Amino acid sequence: MQIQRQIPDMTFSSHIHAADPSLRMVNINGRNYFSGDKVADGIHLQEITEDGVVLRFLHYTFEVSVIRDWAFN
């Protein structure tokens, strides 16, 4: 739970998944990102999947569906 509180809120507004990985893109908090990009302090976008994204924070890896936003309440 302590780790989840450290992850900032993320709002997903678009998600493009294509057979060619170089064409995959996701919009988080109003900015476009590609696999390998740094999304926020300590958060890296590892992969864009058909259903969402795989993110890495510190040494934790987690998946987020783009159908819902990330917010820890």
PDB file of N, CA and C in Angstrom:
ATOM      1  N   MET A   1       0.808  -1.210   0.000  1.00  0.00           N
ATOM      2  CA  MET A   1       0.000   0.000   0.000  1.00  0.00           C
ATOM      3  C   MET A   1       0.851   1.274   0.000  1.00  0.00           C
ATOM      4  N   GLN A   2       1.964   1.295   0.729  1.00  0.00           N
ATOM      5  CA  GLN A   2       2.800   2.492   0.774  1.00  0.00           C
ATOM      6  C   GLN A   2       3.347   2.842  -0.605  1.00  0.00           C
ATOM      7  N   ILE A   3       3.707   1.838  -1.376  1.00  0.00           N
ATOM      8  CA  ILE A   3       4.227   2.072  -2.729  1.00  0.00           C
ATOM      9  C   ILE A   3       3.139   2.687  -3.597  1.00  0.00           C
ATOM     10  N   GLN A   4       1.911   2.169  -3.523  1.00  0.00           N
ATOM     11  CA  GLN A   4       0.815   2.693  -4.345  1.00  0.00           C
ATOM     12  C   GLN A   4       0.571   4.165  -4.078  1.00  0.00           C
ATOM     13  N   ARG A   5       0.731   4.607  -2.860  1.00  0.00           N
ATOM     14  CA  ARG A   5       0.524   6.016  -2.517  1.00  0.00           C
ATOM     15  C   ARG A   5       1.571   6.922  -3.147  1.00  0.00           C
ATOM     16  N   GLN A   6       2.721   6.371  -3.488  1.00  0.00           N
ATOM     17  CA  GLN A   6       3.796   7.169  -4.084  1.00  0.00           C
ATOM     18  C   GLN A   6       3.602   7.386  -5.586  1.00  0.00           C
ATOM     19  N   ILE A   7       2.742   6.595  -6.202  1.00  0.00           N
ATOM     20  CA  ILE A   7       2.522   6.688  -7.646  1.00  0.00           C
ATOM     21  C   ILE A   7       1.504   7.796  -7.919  1.00  0.00           C
ATOM     22  N   PRO A   8       1.853   8.772  -8.745  1.00  0.00           N
ATOM     23  CA  PRO A   8       0.912   9.874  -9.019  1.00  0.00           C
ATOM     24  C   PRO A   8      -0.300   9.406  -9.829  1.00  0.00           C
ATOM     25  N   ASP A   9      -1.381  10.161  -9.725  1.00  0.00           N
ATOM     26  CA  ASP A   9      -2.585   9.869 -10.499  1.00  0.00           C
ATOM     27  C   ASP A   9      -2.270   9.981 -11.986  1.00  0.00           C
ATOM     28  N   MET A  10      -2.894   9.107 -12.779  1.00  0.00           N
ATOM     29  CA  MET A  10      -2.703   9.127 -14.227  1.00  0.00           C
ATOM     30  C   MET A  10      -4.061   9.014 -14.905  1.00  0.00           C
ATOM     31  N   THR A  11      -4.292   9.895 -15.877  1.00  0.00           N
ATOM     32  CA  THR A  11      -5.522   9.878 -16.656  1.00  0.00           C
ATOM     33  C   THR A  11      -5.167   9.498 -18.089  1.00  0.00           C
ATOM     34  N   PHE A  12      -5.785   8.426 -18.576  1.00  0.00           N
ATOM     35  CA  PHE A  12      -5.547   7.933 -19.927  1.00  0.00           C
ATOM     36  C   PHE A  12      -6.626   8.483 -20.858  1.00  0.00           C
ATOM     37  N   SER A  13      -6.202   9.173 -21.938  1.00  0.00           N
ATOM     38  CA  SER A  13      -7.206   9.737 -22.837  1.00  0.00           C
ATOM     39  C   SER A  13      -7.162   9.152 -24.242  1.00  0.00           C
ATOM     40  N   SER A  14      -6.080   8.464 -24.594  1.00  0.00           N
ATOM     41  CA  SER A  14      -6.056   7.739 -25.873  1.00  0.00           C
ATOM     42  C   SER A  14      -5.046   6.605 -25.779  1.00  0.00           C
ATOM     43  N   HIS A  15      -5.275   5.603 -26.619  1.00  0.00           N
ATOM     44  CA  HIS A  15      -4.457   4.391 -26.588  1.00  0.00           C
ATOM     45  C   HIS A  15      -4.452   3.816 -27.993  1.00  0.00           C
ATOM     46  N   ILE A  16      -3.260   3.674 -28.565  1.00  0.00           N
ATOM     47  CA  ILE A  16      -3.150   3.086 -29.901  1.00  0.00           C
ATOM     48  C   ILE A  16      -2.256   1.857 -29.797  1.00  0.00           C
ATOM     49  N   HIS A  17      -2.828   0.718 -30.153  1.00  0.00           N
ATOM     50  CA  HIS A  17      -2.058  -0.528 -30.184  1.00  0.00           C
ATOM     51  C   HIS A  17      -2.027  -1.005 -31.624  1.00  0.00           C
ATOM     52  N   ALA A  18      -0.836  -1.287 -32.142  1.00  0.00           N
ATOM     53  CA  ALA A  18      -0.677  -1.736 -33.526  1.00  0.00           C
ATOM     54  C   ALA A  18       0.256  -2.940 -33.542  1.00  0.00           C
ATOM     55  N   ALA A  19       0.190  -3.703 -34.619  1.00  0.00           N
ATOM     56  CA  ALA A  19       1.078  -4.849 -34.768  1.00  0.00           C
ATOM     57  C   ALA A  19       2.539  -4.402 -34.743  1.00  0.00           C
ATOM     58  N   ASP A  20       2.816  -3.252 -35.320  1.00  0.00           N
ATOM     59  CA  ASP A  20       4.159  -2.684 -35.322  1.00  0.00           C
ATOM     60  C   ASP A  20       4.361  -1.916 -34.008  1.00  0.00           C
ATOM     61  N   PRO A  21       5.235  -2.393 -33.117  1.00  0.00           N
ATOM     62  CA  PRO A  21       5.427  -1.727 -31.820  1.00  0.00           C
ATOM     63  C   PRO A  21       5.823  -0.257 -31.915  1.00  0.00           C
ATOM     64  N   SER A  22       6.472   0.154 -33.005  1.00  0.00           N
ATOM     65  CA  SER A  22       6.878   1.558 -33.126  1.00  0.00           C
ATOM     66  C   SER A  22       5.688   2.494 -33.349  1.00  0.00           C
ATOM     67  N   LEU A  23       4.525   1.944 -33.674  1.00  0.00           N
ATOM     68  CA  LEU A  23       3.318   2.754 -33.888  1.00  0.00           C
ATOM     69  C   LEU A  23       2.424   2.829 -32.651  1.00  0.00           C
ATOM     70  N   ARG A  24       2.784   2.122 -31.595  1.00  0.00           N
ATOM     71  CA  ARG A  24       1.968   2.118 -30.372  1.00  0.00           C
ATOM     72  C   ARG A  24       2.202   3.401 -29.583  1.00  0.00           C
ATOM     73  N   MET A  25       1.103   3.958 -29.047  1.00  0.00           N
ATOM     74  CA  MET A  25       1.166   5.222 -28.330  1.00  0.00           C
ATOM     75  C   MET A  25       0.046   5.263 -27.305  1.00  0.00           C
ATOM     76  N   VAL A  26       0.292   5.959 -26.211  1.00  0.00           N
ATOM     77  CA  VAL A  26      -0.735   6.167 -25.203  1.00  0.00           C
ATOM     78  C   VAL A  26      -0.640   7.617 -24.728  1.00  0.00           C
ATOM     79  N   ASN A  27      -1.788   8.217 -24.431  1.00  0.00           N
ATOM     80  CA  ASN A  27      -1.819   9.580 -23.915  1.00  0.00           C
ATOM     81  C   ASN A  27      -2.142   9.504 -22.429  1.00  0.00           C
ATOM     82  N   ILE A  28      -1.221   9.999 -21.621  1.00  0.00           N
ATOM     83  CA  ILE A  28      -1.386  10.008 -20.163  1.00  0.00           C
ATOM     84  C   ILE A  28      -1.241  11.445 -19.698  1.00  0.00           C
ATOM     85  N   ASN A  29      -2.241  11.915 -18.973  1.00  0.00           N
ATOM     86  CA  ASN A  29      -2.237  13.281 -18.433  1.00  0.00           C
ATOM     87  C   ASN A  29      -1.964  14.331 -19.516  1.00  0.00           C
ATOM     88  N   GLY A  30      -2.525  14.086 -20.708  1.00  0.00           N
ATOM     89  CA  GLY A  30      -2.442  15.075 -21.774  1.00  0.00           C
ATOM     90  C   GLY A  30      -1.183  15.034 -22.624  1.00  0.00           C
ATOM     91  N   ARG A  31      -0.305  14.049 -22.395  1.00  0.00           N
ATOM     92  CA  ARG A  31       0.931  13.940 -23.182  1.00  0.00           C
ATOM     93  C   ARG A  31       1.020  12.568 -23.828  1.00  0.00           C
ATOM     94  N   ASN A  32       1.581  12.507 -25.031  1.00  0.00           N
ATOM     95  CA  ASN A  32       1.756  11.237 -25.737  1.00  0.00           C
ATOM     96  C   ASN A  32       3.058  10.564 -25.300  1.00  0.00           C
ATOM     97  N   TYR A  33       2.975   9.250 -25.095  1.00  0.00           N
ATOM     98  CA  TYR A  33       4.139   8.471 -24.683  1.00  0.00           C
ATOM     99  C   TYR A  33       4.248   7.211 -25.524  1.00  0.00           C
ATOM    100  N   PHE A  34       5.490   6.742 -25.646  1.00  0.00           N
ATOM    101  CA  PHE A  34       5.799   5.515 -26.363  1.00  0.00           C
ATOM    102  C   PHE A  34       6.550   4.583 -25.413  1.00  0.00           C
ATOM    103  N   SER A  35       6.609   3.302 -25.750  1.00  0.00           N
ATOM    104  CA  SER A  35       7.325   2.338 -24.908  1.00  0.00           C
ATOM    105  C   SER A  35       8.743   2.829 -24.635  1.00  0.00           C
ATOM    106  N   GLY A  36       9.137   2.728 -23.378  1.00  0.00           N
ATOM    107  CA  GLY A  36      10.466   3.169 -22.965  1.00  0.00           C
ATOM    108  C   GLY A  36      10.510   4.575 -22.399  1.00  0.00           C
ATOM    109  N   ASP A  37       9.436   5.336 -22.580  1.00  0.00           N
ATOM    110  CA  ASP A  37       9.413   6.720 -22.094  1.00  0.00           C
ATOM    111  C   ASP A  37       9.252   6.793 -20.583  1.00  0.00           C
ATOM    112  N   LYS A  38       9.777   7.883 -20.027  1.00  0.00           N
ATOM    113  CA  LYS A  38       9.563   8.209 -18.619  1.00  0.00           C
ATOM    114  C   LYS A  38       8.256   8.993 -18.542  1.00  0.00           C
ATOM    115  N   VAL A  39       7.298   8.482 -17.762  1.00  0.00           N
ATOM    116  CA  VAL A  39       5.970   9.098 -17.661  1.00  0.00           C
ATOM    117  C   VAL A  39       5.942  10.141 -16.547  1.00  0.00           C
ATOM    118  N   ALA A  40       6.617   9.852 -15.447  1.00  0.00           N
ATOM    119  CA  ALA A  40       6.688  10.758 -14.294  1.00  0.00           C
ATOM    120  C   ALA A  40       7.919  10.349 -13.490  1.00  0.00           C
ATOM    121  N   ASP A  41       8.226  11.072 -12.432  1.00  0.00           N
ATOM    122  CA  ASP A  41       9.386  10.726 -11.609  1.00  0.00           C
ATOM    123  C   ASP A  41       9.312   9.268 -11.175  1.00  0.00           C
ATOM    124  N   GLY A  42      10.269   8.488 -11.615  1.00  0.00           N
ATOM    125  CA  GLY A  42      10.354   7.088 -11.210  1.00  0.00           C
ATOM    126  C   GLY A  42       9.439   6.136 -11.944  1.00  0.00           C
ATOM    127  N   ILE A  43       8.593   6.632 -12.852  1.00  0.00           N
ATOM    128  CA  ILE A  43       7.651   5.775 -13.570  1.00  0.00           C
ATOM    129  C   ILE A  43       8.049   5.694 -15.035  1.00  0.00           C
ATOM    130  N   HIS A  44       8.243   4.466 -15.505  1.00  0.00           N
ATOM    131  CA  HIS A  44       8.620   4.235 -16.896  1.00  0.00           C
ATOM    132  C   HIS A  44       7.581   3.358 -17.583  1.00  0.00           C
ATOM    133  N   LEU A  45       7.280   3.708 -18.812  1.00  0.00           N
ATOM    134  CA  LEU A  45       6.350   2.946 -19.642  1.00  0.00           C
ATOM    135  C   LEU A  45       7.124   1.821 -20.303  1.00  0.00           C
ATOM    136  N   GLN A  46       6.917   0.600 -19.833  1.00  0.00           N
ATOM    137  CA  GLN A  46       7.660  -0.532 -20.375  1.00  0.00           C
ATOM    138  C   GLN A  46       7.043  -1.063 -21.657  1.00  0.00           C
ATOM    139  N   GLU A  47       5.709  -1.120 -21.689  1.00  0.00           N
ATOM    140  CA  GLU A  47       5.059  -1.739 -22.850  1.00  0.00           C
ATOM    141  C   GLU A  47       3.644  -1.203 -22.998  1.00  0.00           C
ATOM    142  N   ILE A  48       3.199  -1.089 -24.238  1.00  0.00           N
ATOM    143  CA  ILE A  48       1.811  -0.755 -24.547  1.00  0.00           C
ATOM    144  C   ILE A  48       1.185  -2.035 -25.082  1.00  0.00           C
ATOM    145  N   THR A  49       0.185  -2.542 -24.356  1.00  0.00           N
ATOM    146  CA  THR A  49      -0.462  -3.797 -24.718  1.00  0.00           C
ATOM    147  C   THR A  49      -1.806  -3.519 -25.376  1.00  0.00           C
ATOM    148  N   GLU A  50      -2.486  -4.571 -25.816  1.00  0.00           N
ATOM    149  CA  GLU A  50      -3.817  -4.405 -26.418  1.00  0.00           C
ATOM    150  C   GLU A  50      -4.801  -3.772 -25.445  1.00  0.00           C
ATOM    151  N   ASP A  51      -4.665  -4.102 -24.160  1.00  0.00           N
ATOM    152  CA  ASP A  51      -5.636  -3.652 -23.159  1.00  0.00           C
ATOM    153  C   ASP A  51      -5.192  -2.461 -22.331  1.00  0.00           C
ATOM    154  N   GLY A  52      -3.916  -2.141 -22.369  1.00  0.00           N
ATOM    155  CA  GLY A  52      -3.444  -1.056 -21.518  1.00  0.00           C
ATOM    156  C   GLY A  52      -1.953  -0.872 -21.601  1.00  0.00           C
ATOM    157  N   VAL A  53      -1.341  -0.670 -20.432  1.00  0.00           N
ATOM    158  CA  VAL A  53       0.093  -0.420 -20.378  1.00  0.00           C
ATOM    159  C   VAL A  53       0.730  -1.217 -19.251  1.00  0.00           C
ATOM    160  N   VAL A  54       2.020  -1.462 -19.401  1.00  0.00           N
ATOM    161  CA  VAL A  54       2.825  -2.051 -18.340  1.00  0.00           C
ATOM    162  C   VAL A  54       3.783  -0.952 -17.895  1.00  0.00           C
ATOM    163  N   LEU A  55       3.720  -0.620 -16.610  1.00  0.00           N
ATOM    164  CA  LEU A  55       4.541   0.447 -16.055  1.00  0.00           C
ATOM    165  C   LEU A  55       5.512  -0.118 -15.031  1.00  0.00           C
ATOM    166  N   ARG A  56       6.634   0.575 -14.841  1.00  0.00           N
ATOM    167  CA  ARG A  56       7.601   0.199 -13.817  1.00  0.00           C
ATOM    168  C   ARG A  56       7.798   1.384 -12.888  1.00  0.00           C
ATOM    169  N   PHE A  57       7.691   1.118 -11.587  1.00  0.00           N
ATOM    170  CA  PHE A  57       7.945   2.130 -10.567  1.00  0.00           C
ATOM    171  C   PHE A  57       8.896   1.520  -9.556  1.00  0.00           C
ATOM    172  N   LEU A  58      10.053   2.148  -9.400  1.00  0.00           N
ATOM    173  CA  LEU A  58      11.129   1.590  -8.590  1.00  0.00           C
ATOM    174  C   LEU A  58      11.441   0.205  -9.138  1.00  0.00           C
ATOM    175  N   HIS A  59      11.322  -0.839  -8.356  1.00  0.00           N
ATOM    176  CA  HIS A  59      11.565  -2.187  -8.880  1.00  0.00           C
ATOM    177  C   HIS A  59      10.270  -2.982  -9.008  1.00  0.00           C
ATOM    178  N   TYR A  60       9.138  -2.278  -9.035  1.00  0.00           N
ATOM    179  CA  TYR A  60       7.824  -2.912  -9.184  1.00  0.00           C
ATOM    180  C   TYR A  60       7.321  -2.724 -10.611  1.00  0.00           C
ATOM    181  N   THR A  61       6.737  -3.777 -11.157  1.00  0.00           N
ATOM    182  CA  THR A  61       6.118  -3.714 -12.475  1.00  0.00           C
ATOM    183  C   THR A  61       4.636  -3.980 -12.298  1.00  0.00           C
ATOM    184  N   PHE A  62       3.788  -3.159 -12.942  1.00  0.00           N
ATOM    185  CA  PHE A  62       2.349  -3.347 -12.815  1.00  0.00           C
ATOM    186  C   PHE A  62       1.650  -2.967 -14.108  1.00  0.00           C
ATOM    187  N   GLU A  63       0.468  -3.540 -14.303  1.00  0.00           N
ATOM    188  CA  GLU A  63      -0.334  -3.274 -15.495  1.00  0.00           C
ATOM    189  C   GLU A  63      -1.515  -2.388 -15.131  1.00  0.00           C
ATOM    190  N   VAL A  64      -1.850  -1.495 -16.050  1.00  0.00           N
ATOM    191  CA  VAL A  64      -3.019  -0.634 -15.886  1.00  0.00           C
ATOM    192  C   VAL A  64      -3.833  -0.718 -17.166  1.00  0.00           C
ATOM    193  N   SER A  65      -5.106  -1.037 -17.030  1.00  0.00           N
ATOM    194  CA  SER A  65      -6.008  -1.034 -18.180  1.00  0.00           C
ATOM    195  C   SER A  65      -6.315   0.409 -18.540  1.00  0.00           C
ATOM    196  N   VAL A  66      -6.333   0.720 -19.820  1.00  0.00           N
ATOM    197  CA  VAL A  66      -6.633   2.102 -20.222  1.00  0.00           C
ATOM    198  C   VAL A  66      -8.120   2.414 -20.095  1.00  0.00           C
ATOM    199  N   ILE A  67      -8.897   1.420 -19.772  1.00  0.00           N
ATOM    200  CA  ILE A  67     -10.326   1.664 -19.574  1.00  0.00           C
ATOM    201  C   ILE A  67     -10.560   2.412 -18.264  1.00  0.00           C
ATOM    202  N   ARG A  68      -9.605   2.329 -17.356  1.00  0.00           N
ATOM    203  CA  ARG A  68      -9.729   3.062 -16.099  1.00  0.00           C
ATOM    204  C   ARG A  68      -8.461   3.851 -15.842  1.00  0.00           C
ATOM    205  N   ASP A  69      -8.576   4.898 -15.074  1.00  0.00           N
ATOM    206  CA  ASP A  69      -7.436   5.723 -14.722  1.00  0.00           C
ATOM    207  C   ASP A  69      -6.785   5.166 -13.460  1.00  0.00           C
ATOM    208  N   TRP A  70      -5.533   5.543 -13.224  1.00  0.00           N
ATOM    209  CA  TRP A  70      -4.849   5.149 -11.999  1.00  0.00           C
ATOM    210  C   TRP A  70      -5.026   6.259 -10.973  1.00  0.00           C
ATOM    211  N   ALA A  71      -5.612   5.910  -9.852  1.00  0.00           N
ATOM    212  CA  ALA A  71      -5.710   6.830  -8.726  1.00  0.00           C
ATOM    213  C   ALA A  71      -5.773   5.993  -7.468  1.00  0.00           C
ATOM    214  N   PHE A  72      -4.952   6.300  -6.499  1.00  0.00           N
ATOM    215  CA  PHE A  72      -4.987   5.582  -5.228  1.00  0.00           C
ATOM    216  C   PHE A  72      -5.746   6.441  -4.242  1.00  0.00           C
ATOM    217  N   ASN A  73      -6.878   5.906  -3.783  1.00  0.00           N
ATOM    218  CA  ASN A  73      -7.706   6.655  -2.814  1.00  0.00           C
ATOM    219  C   ASN A  73      -7.721   5.947  -1.498  1.00  0.00           C
TER     220      ASN A  73
END
